[in-house]
Amino acid sequence: VPLDDEVIADENVETKWDVLDDDRL
């Protein structure tokens, strides 16, 4: 990542998913 990217430990990552329907998949 860029040097100035925010430091976020993995355990603090907010989980975000883009769920695909059959057409998009």
mmCIF file of all heavy atoms, coordinates in Angstrom:
data_MODEL
# 
_entry.id   MODEL 
# 
loop_
_atom_site.group_PDB 
_atom_site.id 
_atom_site.type_symbol 
_atom_site.label_atom_id 
_atom_site.label_alt_id 
_atom_site.label_comp_id 
_atom_site.label_asym_id 
_atom_site.label_entity_id 
_atom_site.label_seq_id 
_atom_site.pdbx_PDB_ins_code 
_atom_site.Cartn_x 
_atom_site.Cartn_y 
_atom_site.Cartn_z 
_atom_site.occupancy 
_atom_site.B_iso_or_equiv 
_atom_site.pdbx_formal_charge 
_atom_site.auth_seq_id 
_atom_site.auth_comp_id 
_atom_site.auth_asym_id 
_atom_site.auth_atom_id 
_atom_site.pdbx_PDB_model_num 
ATOM 1   N N   . VAL A 1 1  ? 0.842   -1.203  0.000   1.00 0.00 ? 1  VAL A N   1 
ATOM 2   C CA  . VAL A 1 1  ? 0.000   0.000   0.000   1.00 0.00 ? 1  VAL A CA  1 
ATOM 3   C C   . VAL A 1 1  ? 0.873   1.247   0.000   1.00 0.00 ? 1  VAL A C   1 
ATOM 4   O O   . VAL A 1 1  ? 2.073   1.180   0.284   1.00 0.00 ? 1  VAL A O   1 
ATOM 5   C CB  . VAL A 1 1  ? -0.935  0.011   1.237   1.00 0.00 ? 1  VAL A CB  1 
ATOM 6   C CG1 . VAL A 1 1  ? -1.878  -1.192  1.221   1.00 0.00 ? 1  VAL A CG1 1 
ATOM 7   C CG2 . VAL A 1 1  ? -0.135  0.048   2.532   1.00 0.00 ? 1  VAL A CG2 1 
ATOM 8   N N   . PRO A 1 2  ? 0.299   2.420   -0.318  1.00 0.00 ? 2  PRO A N   1 
ATOM 9   C CA  . PRO A 1 2  ? 1.071   3.659   -0.227  1.00 0.00 ? 2  PRO A CA  1 
ATOM 10  C C   . PRO A 1 2  ? 1.603   3.881   1.186   1.00 0.00 ? 2  PRO A C   1 
ATOM 11  O O   . PRO A 1 2  ? 1.005   3.425   2.174   1.00 0.00 ? 2  PRO A O   1 
ATOM 12  C CB  . PRO A 1 2  ? 0.051   4.735   -0.608  1.00 0.00 ? 2  PRO A CB  1 
ATOM 13  C CG  . PRO A 1 2  ? -0.953  4.020   -1.453  1.00 0.00 ? 2  PRO A CG  1 
ATOM 14  C CD  . PRO A 1 2  ? -1.055  2.646   -0.872  1.00 0.00 ? 2  PRO A CD  1 
ATOM 15  N N   . LEU A 1 3  ? 2.724   4.585   1.277   1.00 0.00 ? 3  LEU A N   1 
ATOM 16  C CA  . LEU A 1 3  ? 3.349   4.817   2.584   1.00 0.00 ? 3  LEU A CA  1 
ATOM 17  C C   . LEU A 1 3  ? 2.422   5.501   3.570   1.00 0.00 ? 3  LEU A C   1 
ATOM 18  O O   . LEU A 1 3  ? 2.472   5.239   4.775   1.00 0.00 ? 3  LEU A O   1 
ATOM 19  C CB  . LEU A 1 3  ? 4.620   5.666   2.414   1.00 0.00 ? 3  LEU A CB  1 
ATOM 20  C CG  . LEU A 1 3  ? 5.861   4.959   1.871   1.00 0.00 ? 3  LEU A CG  1 
ATOM 21  C CD1 . LEU A 1 3  ? 6.983   5.973   1.658   1.00 0.00 ? 3  LEU A CD1 1 
ATOM 22  C CD2 . LEU A 1 3  ? 6.320   3.856   2.826   1.00 0.00 ? 3  LEU A CD2 1 
ATOM 23  N N   . ASP A 1 4  ? 1.562   6.385   3.077   1.00 0.00 ? 4  ASP A N   1 
ATOM 24  C CA  . ASP A 1 4  ? 0.688   7.132   3.976   1.00 0.00 ? 4  ASP A CA  1 
ATOM 25  C C   . ASP A 1 4  ? -0.658  6.454   4.199   1.00 0.00 ? 4  ASP A C   1 
ATOM 26  O O   . ASP A 1 4  ? -1.566  7.045   4.795   1.00 0.00 ? 4  ASP A O   1 
ATOM 27  C CB  . ASP A 1 4  ? 0.478   8.556   3.459   1.00 0.00 ? 4  ASP A CB  1 
ATOM 28  C CG  . ASP A 1 4  ? -0.144  8.589   2.058   1.00 0.00 ? 4  ASP A CG  1 
ATOM 29  O OD1 . ASP A 1 4  ? -0.354  7.506   1.470   1.00 0.00 ? 4  ASP A OD1 1 
ATOM 30  O OD2 . ASP A 1 4  ? -0.405  9.709   1.558   1.00 0.00 ? 4  ASP A OD2 1 
ATOM 31  N N   . ASP A 1 5  ? -0.801  5.205   3.729   1.00 0.00 ? 5  ASP A N   1 
ATOM 32  C CA  . ASP A 1 5  ? -2.069  4.499   3.916   1.00 0.00 ? 5  ASP A CA  1 
ATOM 33  C C   . ASP A 1 5  ? -2.321  4.273   5.403   1.00 0.00 ? 5  ASP A C   1 
ATOM 34  O O   . ASP A 1 5  ? -1.397  3.994   6.176   1.00 0.00 ? 5  ASP A O   1 
ATOM 35  C CB  . ASP A 1 5  ? -2.031  3.150   3.195   1.00 0.00 ? 5  ASP A CB  1 
ATOM 36  C CG  . ASP A 1 5  ? -3.411  2.642   2.838   1.00 0.00 ? 5  ASP A CG  1 
ATOM 37  O OD1 . ASP A 1 5  ? -4.121  3.364   2.124   1.00 0.00 ? 5  ASP A OD1 1 
ATOM 38  O OD2 . ASP A 1 5  ? -3.760  1.540   3.256   1.00 0.00 ? 5  ASP A OD2 1 
ATOM 39  N N   . GLU A 1 6  ? -3.579  4.377   5.807   1.00 0.00 ? 6  GLU A N   1 
ATOM 40  C CA  . GLU A 1 6  ? -3.947  4.210   7.204   1.00 0.00 ? 6  GLU A CA  1 
ATOM 41  C C   . GLU A 1 6  ? -3.567  2.808   7.696   1.00 0.00 ? 6  GLU A C   1 
ATOM 42  O O   . GLU A 1 6  ? -3.742  1.817   6.993   1.00 0.00 ? 6  GLU A O   1 
ATOM 43  C CB  . GLU A 1 6  ? -5.451  4.411   7.367   1.00 0.00 ? 6  GLU A CB  1 
ATOM 44  C CG  . GLU A 1 6  ? -5.957  4.289   8.785   1.00 0.00 ? 6  GLU A CG  1 
ATOM 45  C CD  . GLU A 1 6  ? -7.463  4.459   8.878   1.00 0.00 ? 6  GLU A CD  1 
ATOM 46  O OE1 . GLU A 1 6  ? -8.122  4.505   7.820   1.00 0.00 ? 6  GLU A OE1 1 
ATOM 47  O OE2 . GLU A 1 6  ? -7.974  4.530   10.014  1.00 0.00 ? 6  GLU A OE2 1 
ATOM 48  N N   . VAL A 1 7  ? -3.020  2.742   8.896   1.00 0.00 ? 7  VAL A N   1 
ATOM 49  C CA  . VAL A 1 7  ? -2.655  1.458   9.487   1.00 0.00 ? 7  VAL A CA  1 
ATOM 50  C C   . VAL A 1 7  ? -3.873  0.871   10.198  1.00 0.00 ? 7  VAL A C   1 
ATOM 51  O O   . VAL A 1 7  ? -4.382  1.452   11.156  1.00 0.00 ? 7  VAL A O   1 
ATOM 52  C CB  . VAL A 1 7  ? -1.482  1.602   10.481  1.00 0.00 ? 7  VAL A CB  1 
ATOM 53  C CG1 . VAL A 1 7  ? -1.194  0.260   11.160  1.00 0.00 ? 7  VAL A CG1 1 
ATOM 54  C CG2 . VAL A 1 7  ? -0.238  2.114   9.763   1.00 0.00 ? 7  VAL A CG2 1 
ATOM 55  N N   . ILE A 1 8  ? -4.336  -0.274  9.696   1.00 0.00 ? 8  ILE A N   1 
ATOM 56  C CA  . ILE A 1 8  ? -5.464  -0.969  10.316  1.00 0.00 ? 8  ILE A CA  1 
ATOM 57  C C   . ILE A 1 8  ? -5.079  -2.430  10.472  1.00 0.00 ? 8  ILE A C   1 
ATOM 58  O O   . ILE A 1 8  ? -4.887  -3.139  9.478   1.00 0.00 ? 8  ILE A O   1 
ATOM 59  C CB  . ILE A 1 8  ? -6.750  -0.872  9.459   1.00 0.00 ? 8  ILE A CB  1 
ATOM 60  C CG1 . ILE A 1 8  ? -7.111  0.585   9.164   1.00 0.00 ? 8  ILE A CG1 1 
ATOM 61  C CG2 . ILE A 1 8  ? -7.901  -1.566  10.166  1.00 0.00 ? 8  ILE A CG2 1 
ATOM 62  C CD1 . ILE A 1 8  ? -8.308  0.734   8.246   1.00 0.00 ? 8  ILE A CD1 1 
ATOM 63  N N   . ALA A 1 9  ? -4.917  -2.890  11.695  1.00 0.00 ? 9  ALA A N   1 
ATOM 64  C CA  . ALA A 1 9  ? -4.606  -4.295  11.933  1.00 0.00 ? 9  ALA A CA  1 
ATOM 65  C C   . ALA A 1 9  ? -5.751  -5.157  11.407  1.00 0.00 ? 9  ALA A C   1 
ATOM 66  O O   . ALA A 1 9  ? -6.919  -4.759  11.433  1.00 0.00 ? 9  ALA A O   1 
ATOM 67  C CB  . ALA A 1 9  ? -4.396  -4.545  13.421  1.00 0.00 ? 9  ALA A CB  1 
ATOM 68  N N   . ASP A 1 10 ? -5.405  -6.339  10.924  1.00 0.00 ? 10 ASP A N   1 
ATOM 69  C CA  . ASP A 1 10 ? -6.405  -7.199  10.293  1.00 0.00 ? 10 ASP A CA  1 
ATOM 70  C C   . ASP A 1 10 ? -7.621  -7.447  11.168  1.00 0.00 ? 10 ASP A C   1 
ATOM 71  O O   . ASP A 1 10 ? -8.759  -7.480  10.690  1.00 0.00 ? 10 ASP A O   1 
ATOM 72  C CB  . ASP A 1 10 ? -5.774  -8.550  9.921   1.00 0.00 ? 10 ASP A CB  1 
ATOM 73  C CG  . ASP A 1 10 ? -4.994  -8.487  8.614   1.00 0.00 ? 10 ASP A CG  1 
ATOM 74  O OD1 . ASP A 1 10 ? -4.966  -7.407  7.996   1.00 0.00 ? 10 ASP A OD1 1 
ATOM 75  O OD2 . ASP A 1 10 ? -4.423  -9.510  8.224   1.00 0.00 ? 10 ASP A OD2 1 
ATOM 76  N N   . GLU A 1 11 ? -7.390  -7.608  12.486  1.00 0.00 ? 11 GLU A N   1 
ATOM 77  C CA  . GLU A 1 11 ? -8.522  -7.923  13.353  1.00 0.00 ? 11 GLU A CA  1 
ATOM 78  C C   . GLU A 1 11 ? -9.493  -6.757  13.508  1.00 0.00 ? 11 GLU A C   1 
ATOM 79  O O   . GLU A 1 11 ? -10.617 -6.927  13.997  1.00 0.00 ? 11 GLU A O   1 
ATOM 80  C CB  . GLU A 1 11 ? -8.042  -8.385  14.733  1.00 0.00 ? 11 GLU A CB  1 
ATOM 81  C CG  . GLU A 1 11 ? -7.192  -7.364  15.483  1.00 0.00 ? 11 GLU A CG  1 
ATOM 82  C CD  . GLU A 1 11 ? -5.709  -7.593  15.285  1.00 0.00 ? 11 GLU A CD  1 
ATOM 83  O OE1 . GLU A 1 11 ? -5.325  -8.130  14.221  1.00 0.00 ? 11 GLU A OE1 1 
ATOM 84  O OE2 . GLU A 1 11 ? -4.938  -7.237  16.176  1.00 0.00 ? 11 GLU A OE2 1 
ATOM 85  N N   . ASN A 1 12 ? -9.068  -5.565  13.066  1.00 0.00 ? 12 ASN A N   1 
ATOM 86  C CA  . ASN A 1 12 ? -9.932  -4.380  13.160  1.00 0.00 ? 12 ASN A CA  1 
ATOM 87  C C   . ASN A 1 12 ? -10.570 -3.994  11.826  1.00 0.00 ? 12 ASN A C   1 
ATOM 88  O O   . ASN A 1 12 ? -11.247 -2.963  11.733  1.00 0.00 ? 12 ASN A O   1 
ATOM 89  C CB  . ASN A 1 12 ? -9.126  -3.194  13.695  1.00 0.00 ? 12 ASN A CB  1 
ATOM 90  C CG  . ASN A 1 12 ? -8.617  -3.430  15.101  1.00 0.00 ? 12 ASN A CG  1 
ATOM 91  O OD1 . ASN A 1 12 ? -9.297  -4.060  15.921  1.00 0.00 ? 12 ASN A OD1 1 
ATOM 92  N ND2 . ASN A 1 12 ? -7.412  -2.960  15.391  1.00 0.00 ? 12 ASN A ND2 1 
ATOM 93  N N   . VAL A 1 13 ? -10.362 -4.815  10.806  1.00 0.00 ? 13 VAL A N   1 
ATOM 94  C CA  . VAL A 1 13 ? -10.909 -4.507  9.484   1.00 0.00 ? 13 VAL A CA  1 
ATOM 95  C C   . VAL A 1 13 ? -12.418 -4.712  9.484   1.00 0.00 ? 13 VAL A C   1 
ATOM 96  O O   . VAL A 1 13 ? -12.927 -5.747  9.944   1.00 0.00 ? 13 VAL A O   1 
ATOM 97  C CB  . VAL A 1 13 ? -10.254 -5.395  8.406   1.00 0.00 ? 13 VAL A CB  1 
ATOM 98  C CG1 . VAL A 1 13 ? -11.003 -5.294  7.085   1.00 0.00 ? 13 VAL A CG1 1 
ATOM 99  C CG2 . VAL A 1 13 ? -8.794  -4.998  8.207   1.00 0.00 ? 13 VAL A CG2 1 
ATOM 100 N N   . GLU A 1 14 ? -13.137 -3.737  8.950   1.00 0.00 ? 14 GLU A N   1 
ATOM 101 C CA  . GLU A 1 14 ? -14.579 -3.868  8.795   1.00 0.00 ? 14 GLU A CA  1 
ATOM 102 C C   . GLU A 1 14 ? -14.857 -4.704  7.545   1.00 0.00 ? 14 GLU A C   1 
ATOM 103 O O   . GLU A 1 14 ? -14.413 -4.369  6.454   1.00 0.00 ? 14 GLU A O   1 
ATOM 104 C CB  . GLU A 1 14 ? -15.230 -2.486  8.661   1.00 0.00 ? 14 GLU A CB  1 
ATOM 105 C CG  . GLU A 1 14 ? -16.743 -2.540  8.507   1.00 0.00 ? 14 GLU A CG  1 
ATOM 106 C CD  . GLU A 1 14 ? -17.358 -1.165  8.305   1.00 0.00 ? 14 GLU A CD  1 
ATOM 107 O OE1 . GLU A 1 14 ? -16.608 -0.161  8.348   1.00 0.00 ? 14 GLU A OE1 1 
ATOM 108 O OE2 . GLU A 1 14 ? -18.586 -1.096  8.094   1.00 0.00 ? 14 GLU A OE2 1 
ATOM 109 N N   . THR A 1 15 ? -15.580 -5.799  7.720   1.00 0.00 ? 15 THR A N   1 
ATOM 110 C CA  . THR A 1 15 ? -15.838 -6.710  6.616   1.00 0.00 ? 15 THR A CA  1 
ATOM 111 C C   . THR A 1 15 ? -16.905 -6.149  5.676   1.00 0.00 ? 15 THR A C   1 
ATOM 112 O O   . THR A 1 15 ? -17.994 -5.785  6.117   1.00 0.00 ? 15 THR A O   1 
ATOM 113 C CB  . THR A 1 15 ? -16.298 -8.083  7.150   1.00 0.00 ? 15 THR A CB  1 
ATOM 114 O OG1 . THR A 1 15 ? -15.291 -8.599  8.023   1.00 0.00 ? 15 THR A OG1 1 
ATOM 115 C CG2 . THR A 1 15 ? -16.520 -9.054  6.013   1.00 0.00 ? 15 THR A CG2 1 
ATOM 116 N N   . LYS A 1 16 ? -16.554 -6.083  4.385   1.00 0.00 ? 16 LYS A N   1 
ATOM 117 C CA  . LYS A 1 16 ? -17.492 -5.589  3.383   1.00 0.00 ? 16 LYS A CA  1 
ATOM 118 C C   . LYS A 1 16 ? -17.465 -6.524  2.177   1.00 0.00 ? 16 LYS A C   1 
ATOM 119 O O   . LYS A 1 16 ? -16.401 -6.838  1.654   1.00 0.00 ? 16 LYS A O   1 
ATOM 120 C CB  . LYS A 1 16 ? -17.114 -4.170  2.926   1.00 0.00 ? 16 LYS A CB  1 
ATOM 121 C CG  . LYS A 1 16 ? -17.170 -3.106  4.020   1.00 0.00 ? 16 LYS A CG  1 
ATOM 122 C CD  . LYS A 1 16 ? -16.752 -1.749  3.455   1.00 0.00 ? 16 LYS A CD  1 
ATOM 123 C CE  . LYS A 1 16 ? -16.771 -0.664  4.512   1.00 0.00 ? 16 LYS A CE  1 
ATOM 124 N NZ  . LYS A 1 16 ? -16.325 0.653   3.954   1.00 0.00 ? 16 LYS A NZ  1 
ATOM 125 N N   . TRP A 1 17 ? -18.642 -6.972  1.739   1.00 0.00 ? 17 TRP A N   1 
ATOM 126 C CA  . TRP A 1 17 ? -18.736 -7.870  0.602   1.00 0.00 ? 17 TRP A CA  1 
ATOM 127 C C   . TRP A 1 17 ? -19.731 -7.324  -0.418  1.00 0.00 ? 17 TRP A C   1 
ATOM 128 O O   . TRP A 1 17 ? -20.753 -6.761  -0.047  1.00 0.00 ? 17 TRP A O   1 
ATOM 129 C CB  . TRP A 1 17 ? -19.215 -9.257  1.037   1.00 0.00 ? 17 TRP A CB  1 
ATOM 130 C CG  . TRP A 1 17 ? -18.283 -9.997  1.942   1.00 0.00 ? 17 TRP A CG  1 
ATOM 131 C CD1 . TRP A 1 17 ? -18.441 -10.212 3.287   1.00 0.00 ? 17 TRP A CD1 1 
ATOM 132 C CD2 . TRP A 1 17 ? -17.055 -10.623 1.590   1.00 0.00 ? 17 TRP A CD2 1 
ATOM 133 N NE1 . TRP A 1 17 ? -17.387 -10.940 3.783   1.00 0.00 ? 17 TRP A NE1 1 
ATOM 134 C CE2 . TRP A 1 17 ? -16.518 -11.206 2.755   1.00 0.00 ? 17 TRP A CE2 1 
ATOM 135 C CE3 . TRP A 1 17 ? -16.356 -10.760 0.379   1.00 0.00 ? 17 TRP A CE3 1 
ATOM 136 C CZ2 . TRP A 1 17 ? -15.324 -11.905 2.768   1.00 0.00 ? 17 TRP A CZ2 1 
ATOM 137 C CZ3 . TRP A 1 17 ? -15.153 -11.449 0.390   1.00 0.00 ? 17 TRP A CZ3 1 
ATOM 138 C CH2 . TRP A 1 17 ? -14.650 -12.017 1.566   1.00 0.00 ? 17 TRP A CH2 1 
ATOM 139 N N   . ASP A 1 18 ? -19.401 -7.510  -1.685  1.00 0.00 ? 18 ASP A N   1 
ATOM 140 C CA  . ASP A 1 18 ? -20.319 -7.226  -2.783  1.00 0.00 ? 18 ASP A CA  1 
ATOM 141 C C   . ASP A 1 18 ? -20.802 -8.574  -3.314  1.00 0.00 ? 18 ASP A C   1 
ATOM 142 O O   . ASP A 1 18 ? -20.087 -9.254  -4.055  1.00 0.00 ? 18 ASP A O   1 
ATOM 143 C CB  . ASP A 1 18 ? -19.580 -6.431  -3.869  1.00 0.00 ? 18 ASP A CB  1 
ATOM 144 C CG  . ASP A 1 18 ? -20.455 -6.154  -5.084  1.00 0.00 ? 18 ASP A CG  1 
ATOM 145 O OD1 . ASP A 1 18 ? -21.684 -6.365  -4.996  1.00 0.00 ? 18 ASP A OD1 1 
ATOM 146 O OD2 . ASP A 1 18 ? -19.903 -5.730  -6.112  1.00 0.00 ? 18 ASP A OD2 1 
ATOM 147 N N   . VAL A 1 19 ? -21.998 -8.972  -2.918  1.00 0.00 ? 19 VAL A N   1 
ATOM 148 C CA  . VAL A 1 19 ? -22.521 -10.291 -3.274  1.00 0.00 ? 19 VAL A CA  1 
ATOM 149 C C   . VAL A 1 19 ? -23.022 -10.267 -4.721  1.00 0.00 ? 19 VAL A C   1 
ATOM 150 O O   . VAL A 1 19 ? -23.779 -9.381  -5.113  1.00 0.00 ? 19 VAL A O   1 
ATOM 151 C CB  . VAL A 1 19 ? -23.659 -10.704 -2.319  1.00 0.00 ? 19 VAL A CB  1 
ATOM 152 C CG1 . VAL A 1 19 ? -24.194 -12.088 -2.698  1.00 0.00 ? 19 VAL A CG1 1 
ATOM 153 C CG2 . VAL A 1 19 ? -23.164 -10.704 -0.874  1.00 0.00 ? 19 VAL A CG2 1 
ATOM 154 N N   . LEU A 1 20 ? -22.578 -11.250 -5.502  1.00 0.00 ? 20 LEU A N   1 
ATOM 155 C CA  . LEU A 1 20 ? -22.916 -11.304 -6.923  1.00 0.00 ? 20 LEU A CA  1 
ATOM 156 C C   . LEU A 1 20 ? -24.116 -12.219 -7.165  1.00 0.00 ? 20 LEU A C   1 
ATOM 157 O O   . LEU A 1 20 ? -24.165 -13.343 -6.651  1.00 0.00 ? 20 LEU A O   1 
ATOM 158 C CB  . LEU A 1 20 ? -21.729 -11.828 -7.732  1.00 0.00 ? 20 LEU A CB  1 
ATOM 159 C CG  . LEU A 1 20 ? -20.410 -11.064 -7.622  1.00 0.00 ? 20 LEU A CG  1 
ATOM 160 C CD1 . LEU A 1 20 ? -19.342 -11.749 -8.460  1.00 0.00 ? 20 LEU A CD1 1 
ATOM 161 C CD2 . LEU A 1 20 ? -20.573 -9.615  -8.043  1.00 0.00 ? 20 LEU A CD2 1 
ATOM 162 N N   . ASP A 1 21 ? -25.066 -11.748 -7.970  1.00 0.00 ? 21 ASP A N   1 
ATOM 163 C CA  . ASP A 1 21 ? -26.115 -12.659 -8.425  1.00 0.00 ? 21 ASP A CA  1 
ATOM 164 C C   . ASP A 1 21 ? -25.574 -13.455 -9.615  1.00 0.00 ? 21 ASP A C   1 
ATOM 165 O O   . ASP A 1 21 ? -24.455 -13.217 -10.093 1.00 0.00 ? 21 ASP A O   1 
ATOM 166 C CB  . ASP A 1 21 ? -27.405 -11.911 -8.777  1.00 0.00 ? 21 ASP A CB  1 
ATOM 167 C CG  . ASP A 1 21 ? -27.222 -10.878 -9.893  1.00 0.00 ? 21 ASP A CG  1 
ATOM 168 O OD1 . ASP A 1 21 ? -26.280 -11.019 -10.701 1.00 0.00 ? 21 ASP A OD1 1 
ATOM 169 O OD2 . ASP A 1 21 ? -28.037 -9.935  -9.961  1.00 0.00 ? 21 ASP A OD2 1 
ATOM 170 N N   . ASP A 1 22 ? -26.340 -14.400 -10.112 1.00 0.00 ? 22 ASP A N   1 
ATOM 171 C CA  . ASP A 1 22 ? -25.844 -15.276 -11.179 1.00 0.00 ? 22 ASP A CA  1 
ATOM 172 C C   . ASP A 1 22 ? -25.464 -14.509 -12.441 1.00 0.00 ? 22 ASP A C   1 
ATOM 173 O O   . ASP A 1 22 ? -24.469 -14.825 -13.102 1.00 0.00 ? 22 ASP A O   1 
ATOM 174 C CB  . ASP A 1 22 ? -26.889 -16.341 -11.517 1.00 0.00 ? 22 ASP A CB  1 
ATOM 175 C CG  . ASP A 1 22 ? -26.961 -17.436 -10.462 1.00 0.00 ? 22 ASP A CG  1 
ATOM 176 O OD1 . ASP A 1 22 ? -26.141 -17.409 -9.511  1.00 0.00 ? 22 ASP A OD1 1 
ATOM 177 O OD2 . ASP A 1 22 ? -27.835 -18.321 -10.592 1.00 0.00 ? 22 ASP A OD2 1 
ATOM 178 N N   . ASP A 1 23 ? -26.234 -13.481 -12.770 1.00 0.00 ? 23 ASP A N   1 
ATOM 179 C CA  . ASP A 1 23 ? -25.948 -12.719 -13.987 1.00 0.00 ? 23 ASP A CA  1 
ATOM 180 C C   . ASP A 1 23 ? -24.598 -12.009 -13.872 1.00 0.00 ? 23 ASP A C   1 
ATOM 181 O O   . ASP A 1 23 ? -23.776 -12.061 -14.802 1.00 0.00 ? 23 ASP A O   1 
ATOM 182 C CB  . ASP A 1 23 ? -27.059 -11.701 -14.257 1.00 0.00 ? 23 ASP A CB  1 
ATOM 183 C CG  . ASP A 1 23 ? -28.354 -12.362 -14.711 1.00 0.00 ? 23 ASP A CG  1 
ATOM 184 O OD1 . ASP A 1 23 ? -28.282 -13.487 -15.237 1.00 0.00 ? 23 ASP A OD1 1 
ATOM 185 O OD2 . ASP A 1 23 ? -29.429 -11.749 -14.537 1.00 0.00 ? 23 ASP A OD2 1 
ATOM 186 N N   . ARG A 1 24 ? -24.371 -11.343 -12.745 1.00 0.00 ? 24 ARG A N   1 
ATOM 187 C CA  . ARG A 1 24 ? -23.098 -10.622 -12.574 1.00 0.00 ? 24 ARG A CA  1 
ATOM 188 C C   . ARG A 1 24 ? -21.929 -11.593 -12.479 1.00 0.00 ? 24 ARG A C   1 
ATOM 189 O O   . ARG A 1 24 ? -20.855 -11.345 -13.038 1.00 0.00 ? 24 ARG A O   1 
ATOM 190 C CB  . ARG A 1 24 ? -23.144 -9.739  -11.330 1.00 0.00 ? 24 ARG A CB  1 
ATOM 191 C CG  . ARG A 1 24 ? -24.065 -8.518  -11.459 1.00 0.00 ? 24 ARG A CG  1 
ATOM 192 C CD  . ARG A 1 24 ? -23.997 -7.678  -10.177 1.00 0.00 ? 24 ARG A CD  1 
ATOM 193 N NE  . ARG A 1 24 ? -22.690 -7.080  -9.995  1.00 0.00 ? 24 ARG A NE  1 
ATOM 194 C CZ  . ARG A 1 24 ? -22.192 -6.721  -8.814  1.00 0.00 ? 24 ARG A CZ  1 
ATOM 195 N NH1 . ARG A 1 24 ? -22.892 -6.943  -7.707  1.00 0.00 ? 24 ARG A NH1 1 
ATOM 196 N NH2 . ARG A 1 24 ? -21.012 -6.161  -8.715  1.00 0.00 ? 24 ARG A NH2 1 
ATOM 197 N N   . LEU A 1 25 ? -22.125 -12.697 -11.767 1.00 0.00 ? 25 LEU A N   1 
ATOM 198 C CA  . LEU A 1 25 ? -21.047 -13.677 -11.648 1.00 0.00 ? 25 LEU A CA  1 
ATOM 199 C C   . LEU A 1 25 ? -20.678 -14.227 -13.020 1.00 0.00 ? 25 LEU A C   1 
ATOM 200 O O   . LEU A 1 25 ? -19.492 -14.337 -13.355 1.00 0.00 ? 25 LEU A O   1 
ATOM 201 C CB  . LEU A 1 25 ? -21.472 -14.815 -10.720 1.00 0.00 ? 25 LEU A CB  1 
ATOM 202 C CG  . LEU A 1 25 ? -20.485 -15.982 -10.588 1.00 0.00 ? 25 LEU A CG  1 
ATOM 203 C CD1 . LEU A 1 25 ? -19.137 -15.501 -10.069 1.00 0.00 ? 25 LEU A CD1 1 
ATOM 204 C CD2 . LEU A 1 25 ? -21.056 -17.064 -9.681  1.00 0.00 ? 25 LEU A CD2 1 
# 
